[in-house]
Amino acid sequence: MKIHQFFSFIIVACAASLLCSSCSNSSFSGSGSAAQRAYEAYDRPASLPTNRSNVSVKVSLKNQMAYVMEGSKPLLVMPVTVGKSSSPTPKGSFRIRSKNHYYRANTHGYAVKGNTVRGVYLRNKPAGWAFKGTPMPYWCEFKSAYGFHTGWMKPFPASGGCLRMHKNVAPKFFRLVSVGTPVSIAQTQAEDVTIGRNVPRPPDSTPFPGNPDGMMALTQDFFTQHKTPTYVP
């Protein structure tokens, strides 16, 4: 994913203070535009599995939807933002390889020197500056360098190949899957015409929010600012 996308897109949102998937907390303070507030309030219902070994994930690139299933029972149906044509999400059969709530990218992020912070690729970091990776909360890797993670949701392919989740839904997905959970990614899935129809999607509160570099690089705030997850029977 290109660096400017990370520094103008990332996660959750409130324009100047948000994160874990959101920013400082404009989401919950009611600040911002009506579209911004609607985006911050977005959520999807989820159920906990009775047998975690029966959980699997199916992703439809065309429908931009992920289905977390326990056998034939849907546990969570959530929109995802998929890779754009120049950086597509890989298709195929995978398994969750690793999980990390506090994951940071290891190729792009921020150069830090004293109180000065600037967005960089690691390869371009100035000599003598520290490096802090871009926050990618609730990371669930399914292929080397590709994973599900909290990210700014758009209603069209917009990622660098990863699957972005809404900040309020990401912690639910993270809890439902385990290392080893099967992941099937295809252009379409059978569920698209059943449980994947007419699923509410996060409103597009364009443009991408600008999250303060200092908050993104120097604090853990971005990883924990979302609704407390709840689950239905």
Protein backbone atom coordinates (compact mmCIF):
# COMPACT_ATOMS: atom_id res chain seq x y z
CA MET A 1 0.00 0.00 0.00
CA LYS A 2 1.36 3.43 -0.86
CA ILE A 3 2.58 5.60 1.99
CA HIS A 4 0.30 8.54 1.26
CA GLN A 5 -2.69 6.23 1.53
CA PHE A 6 -1.62 5.15 5.00
CA PHE A 7 -1.08 8.66 6.20
CA SER A 8 -4.30 10.03 4.83
CA PHE A 9 -6.48 7.00 5.34
CA ILE A 10 -5.80 5.14 8.39
CA ILE A 11 -8.19 3.69 10.56
CA VAL A 12 -11.01 4.66 12.27
CA ALA A 13 -11.56 7.89 12.40
CA CYS A 14 -12.20 11.02 13.93
CA ALA A 15 -10.38 13.56 12.11
CA ALA A 16 -8.05 14.70 14.67
CA SER A 17 -8.11 12.47 17.53
CA LEU A 18 -9.20 8.91 17.04
CA LEU A 19 -8.11 5.43 16.80
CA CYS A 20 -7.52 1.83 17.52
CA SER A 21 -9.34 2.18 15.06
CA SER A 22 -10.40 5.55 15.70
CA CYS A 23 -9.12 8.81 16.75
CA SER A 24 -9.07 10.58 19.96
CA ASN A 25 -12.71 10.17 20.40
CA SER A 26 -14.55 12.35 18.13
CA SER A 27 -16.55 9.30 17.41
CA PHE A 28 -18.05 9.25 20.79
CA SER A 29 -17.96 12.93 21.58
CA GLY A 30 -20.35 13.72 18.73
CA SER A 31 -17.99 16.09 16.96
CA GLY A 32 -17.49 16.18 13.21
CA SER A 33 -19.93 16.11 10.33
CA ALA A 34 -23.14 14.09 10.30
CA ALA A 35 -21.44 11.61 7.95
CA GLN A 36 -18.49 11.37 10.31
CA ARG A 37 -20.74 10.71 13.30
CA ALA A 38 -22.67 8.08 11.36
CA TYR A 39 -19.41 6.42 10.40
CA GLU A 40 -18.25 6.39 14.00
CA ALA A 41 -21.53 4.83 15.17
CA TYR A 42 -21.44 1.97 12.65
CA ASP A 43 -21.42 -1.59 14.02
CA ARG A 44 -22.38 -5.15 13.09
CA PRO A 45 -23.88 -7.89 15.30
CA ALA A 46 -21.76 -10.93 16.12
CA SER A 47 -22.24 -14.23 17.93
CA LEU A 48 -19.62 -16.31 19.71
CA PRO A 49 -18.94 -19.84 18.44
CA THR A 50 -19.70 -22.95 20.41
CA ASN A 51 -16.83 -24.84 18.74
CA ARG A 52 -13.96 -22.65 17.57
CA SER A 53 -12.51 -25.47 15.46
CA ASN A 54 -15.54 -25.21 13.16
CA VAL A 55 -15.05 -21.50 12.43
CA SER A 56 -14.06 -20.40 8.93
CA VAL A 57 -13.93 -17.13 7.01
CA LYS A 58 -15.15 -16.52 3.47
CA VAL A 59 -14.41 -13.27 1.64
CA SER A 60 -16.21 -12.03 -1.47
CA LEU A 61 -14.14 -9.49 -3.36
CA LYS A 62 -17.01 -8.48 -5.63
CA ASN A 63 -19.45 -7.99 -2.76
CA GLN A 64 -16.69 -6.60 -0.50
CA MET A 65 -18.02 -8.75 2.31
CA ALA A 66 -16.52 -11.18 4.83
CA TYR A 67 -18.53 -14.03 6.32
CA VAL A 68 -17.36 -15.58 9.59
CA MET A 69 -19.10 -18.94 9.76
CA GLU A 70 -19.38 -21.76 12.26
CA GLY A 71 -20.29 -24.52 9.89
CA SER A 72 -23.38 -23.15 8.14
CA LYS A 73 -24.17 -20.65 10.91
CA PRO A 74 -23.10 -17.03 10.32
CA LEU A 75 -21.34 -15.53 13.34
CA LEU A 76 -20.48 -12.21 11.74
CA VAL A 77 -21.23 -10.67 8.35
CA MET A 78 -19.14 -7.56 7.81
CA PRO A 79 -18.21 -5.29 4.92
CA VAL A 80 -14.51 -5.07 4.12
CA THR A 81 -12.55 -2.70 1.94
CA VAL A 82 -10.59 -4.76 -0.57
CA GLY A 83 -7.50 -4.08 -2.64
CA LYS A 84 -7.68 -1.81 -5.64
CA SER A 85 -6.81 -3.05 -9.13
CA SER A 86 -3.18 -1.95 -8.84
CA SER A 87 -2.74 -3.78 -5.52
CA PRO A 88 -5.38 -6.55 -5.44
CA THR A 89 -6.27 -8.72 -2.48
CA PRO A 90 -4.89 -12.22 -3.15
CA LYS A 91 -7.40 -14.95 -3.99
CA GLY A 92 -7.16 -18.49 -2.72
CA SER A 93 -7.33 -20.67 0.37
CA PHE A 94 -5.37 -19.51 3.39
CA ARG A 95 -5.32 -19.79 7.17
CA ILE A 96 -4.94 -17.16 9.83
CA ARG A 97 -1.17 -17.19 10.46
CA SER A 98 -0.90 -14.70 13.30
CA LYS A 99 -2.95 -12.28 15.36
CA ASN A 100 -1.78 -9.07 16.99
CA HIS A 101 -4.07 -6.43 18.46
CA TYR A 102 -1.16 -3.96 18.62
CA TYR A 103 0.43 -4.67 15.26
CA ARG A 104 2.45 -2.00 13.49
CA ALA A 105 3.66 -2.11 9.91
CA ASN A 106 7.35 -2.85 9.45
CA THR A 107 7.88 -1.05 6.11
CA HIS A 108 6.01 2.23 6.49
CA GLY A 109 5.25 4.48 9.41
CA TYR A 110 6.89 7.44 11.10
CA ALA A 111 10.35 8.82 11.63
CA VAL A 112 10.69 10.22 15.15
CA LYS A 113 13.31 12.58 16.54
CA GLY A 114 12.51 14.27 19.81
CA ASN A 115 9.08 15.85 19.38
CA THR A 116 9.28 15.82 15.58
CA VAL A 117 7.34 13.15 13.72
CA ARG A 118 7.05 12.66 9.97
CA GLY A 119 5.56 9.93 7.78
CA VAL A 120 8.13 7.80 5.95
CA TYR A 121 8.91 4.43 4.47
CA LEU A 122 11.46 2.63 6.60
CA ARG A 123 13.86 2.60 3.66
CA ASN A 124 13.74 6.42 3.56
CA LYS A 125 14.10 7.04 7.29
CA PRO A 126 16.66 9.77 7.97
CA ALA A 127 19.81 8.61 9.70
CA GLY A 128 19.65 9.14 13.45
CA TRP A 129 15.83 9.08 13.58
CA ALA A 130 13.82 6.34 15.31
CA PHE A 131 11.16 4.43 13.35
CA LYS A 132 7.61 3.61 14.48
CA GLY A 133 5.38 1.57 12.18
CA THR A 134 1.90 2.58 11.06
CA PRO A 135 -0.73 1.25 13.51
CA MET A 136 -2.85 -1.56 12.03
CA PRO A 137 -5.06 -2.64 14.96
CA TYR A 138 -6.51 -6.14 15.29
CA TRP A 139 -4.16 -7.53 12.65
CA CYS A 140 -5.03 -11.06 11.51
CA GLU A 141 -2.50 -12.15 8.90
CA PHE A 142 -3.57 -14.72 6.32
CA LYS A 143 -0.60 -14.43 3.93
CA SER A 144 2.80 -12.85 4.37
CA ALA A 145 2.26 -9.06 4.36
CA TYR A 146 -1.53 -9.42 3.94
CA GLY A 147 -4.09 -9.37 6.71
CA PHE A 148 -7.40 -8.19 8.08
CA HIS A 149 -6.98 -5.02 10.14
CA THR A 150 -8.79 -1.94 11.30
CA GLY A 151 -8.75 0.66 8.56
CA TRP A 152 -10.68 3.52 7.05
CA MET A 153 -13.61 1.94 5.19
CA LYS A 154 -14.54 2.96 1.67
CA PRO A 155 -17.39 1.63 -0.52
CA PHE A 156 -15.00 0.78 -3.35
CA PRO A 157 -11.68 -1.11 -3.65
CA ALA A 158 -9.15 1.16 -1.96
CA SER A 159 -6.59 -0.82 0.02
CA GLY A 160 -3.09 -1.99 -0.82
CA GLY A 161 -4.29 -5.60 -0.76
CA CYS A 162 -5.19 -6.03 2.89
CA LEU A 163 -8.78 -6.32 4.07
CA ARG A 164 -9.81 -3.29 6.09
CA MET A 165 -12.41 -3.67 8.83
CA HIS A 166 -14.44 -0.97 10.55
CA LYS A 167 -12.98 -0.11 13.93
CA ASN A 168 -16.09 -1.15 15.87
CA VAL A 169 -16.28 -4.54 14.12
CA ALA A 170 -12.57 -5.40 14.07
CA PRO A 171 -12.38 -6.50 17.74
CA LYS A 172 -15.27 -8.90 17.14
CA PHE A 173 -13.59 -10.49 14.13
CA PHE A 174 -10.35 -10.71 16.10
CA ARG A 175 -12.08 -12.64 18.90
CA LEU A 176 -13.94 -15.00 16.56
CA VAL A 177 -10.94 -16.24 14.57
CA SER A 178 -7.93 -18.19 15.78
CA VAL A 179 -4.51 -18.97 14.40
CA GLY A 180 -5.29 -21.75 11.94
CA THR A 181 -8.81 -20.57 11.04
CA PRO A 182 -9.40 -21.27 7.30
CA VAL A 183 -9.85 -18.24 5.05
CA SER A 184 -11.27 -18.53 1.53
CA ILE A 185 -10.98 -15.45 -0.69
CA ALA A 186 -12.76 -15.49 -4.05
CA GLN A 187 -14.41 -13.12 -6.47
CA THR A 188 -17.83 -14.24 -5.20
CA GLN A 189 -19.21 -16.46 -2.45
CA ALA A 190 -22.51 -18.35 -2.26
CA GLU A 191 -23.46 -16.21 0.75
CA ASP A 192 -23.52 -13.09 -1.44
CA VAL A 193 -27.08 -13.84 -2.54
CA THR A 194 -28.34 -14.86 0.90
CA ILE A 195 -26.87 -13.39 4.09
CA GLY A 196 -24.67 -11.01 2.11
CA ARG A 197 -27.53 -9.12 0.51
CA ASN A 198 -28.55 -5.67 1.72
CA VAL A 199 -26.01 -5.60 4.54
CA PRO A 200 -25.70 -2.02 5.85
CA ARG A 201 -22.31 -0.54 5.08
CA PRO A 202 -20.42 2.26 6.78
CA PRO A 203 -21.33 5.62 5.22
CA ASP A 204 -18.61 7.15 3.08
CA SER A 205 -17.57 10.20 5.06
CA THR A 206 -15.00 11.29 2.49
CA PRO A 207 -12.31 12.51 2.60
CA PHE A 208 -9.95 10.24 4.49
CA PRO A 209 -9.44 11.56 8.02
CA GLY A 210 -6.14 13.09 8.99
CA ASN A 211 -4.91 11.50 12.20
CA PRO A 212 -2.23 13.41 14.11
CA ASP A 213 1.18 11.93 13.38
CA GLY A 214 2.22 12.34 17.01
CA MET A 215 -0.74 10.31 18.23
CA MET A 216 -0.20 7.61 15.62
CA ALA A 217 3.51 7.28 16.31
CA LEU A 218 3.95 8.06 19.99
CA THR A 219 0.86 6.70 21.74
CA GLN A 220 -1.24 3.53 21.78
CA ASP A 221 -4.50 5.51 21.55
CA PHE A 222 -5.21 4.38 18.01
CA PHE A 223 -5.46 0.76 19.14
CA THR A 224 -8.21 1.11 21.74
CA GLN A 225 -10.71 3.77 20.69
CA HIS A 226 -13.72 1.82 19.55
CA LYS A 227 -17.01 0.70 20.99
CA THR A 228 -16.90 -2.04 23.61
CA PRO A 229 -17.75 -5.22 21.66
CA THR A 230 -21.04 -6.92 22.50
CA TYR A 231 -22.31 -10.27 21.28
CA VAL A 232 -25.75 -11.72 20.63
CA PRO A 233 -26.78 -15.29 21.52
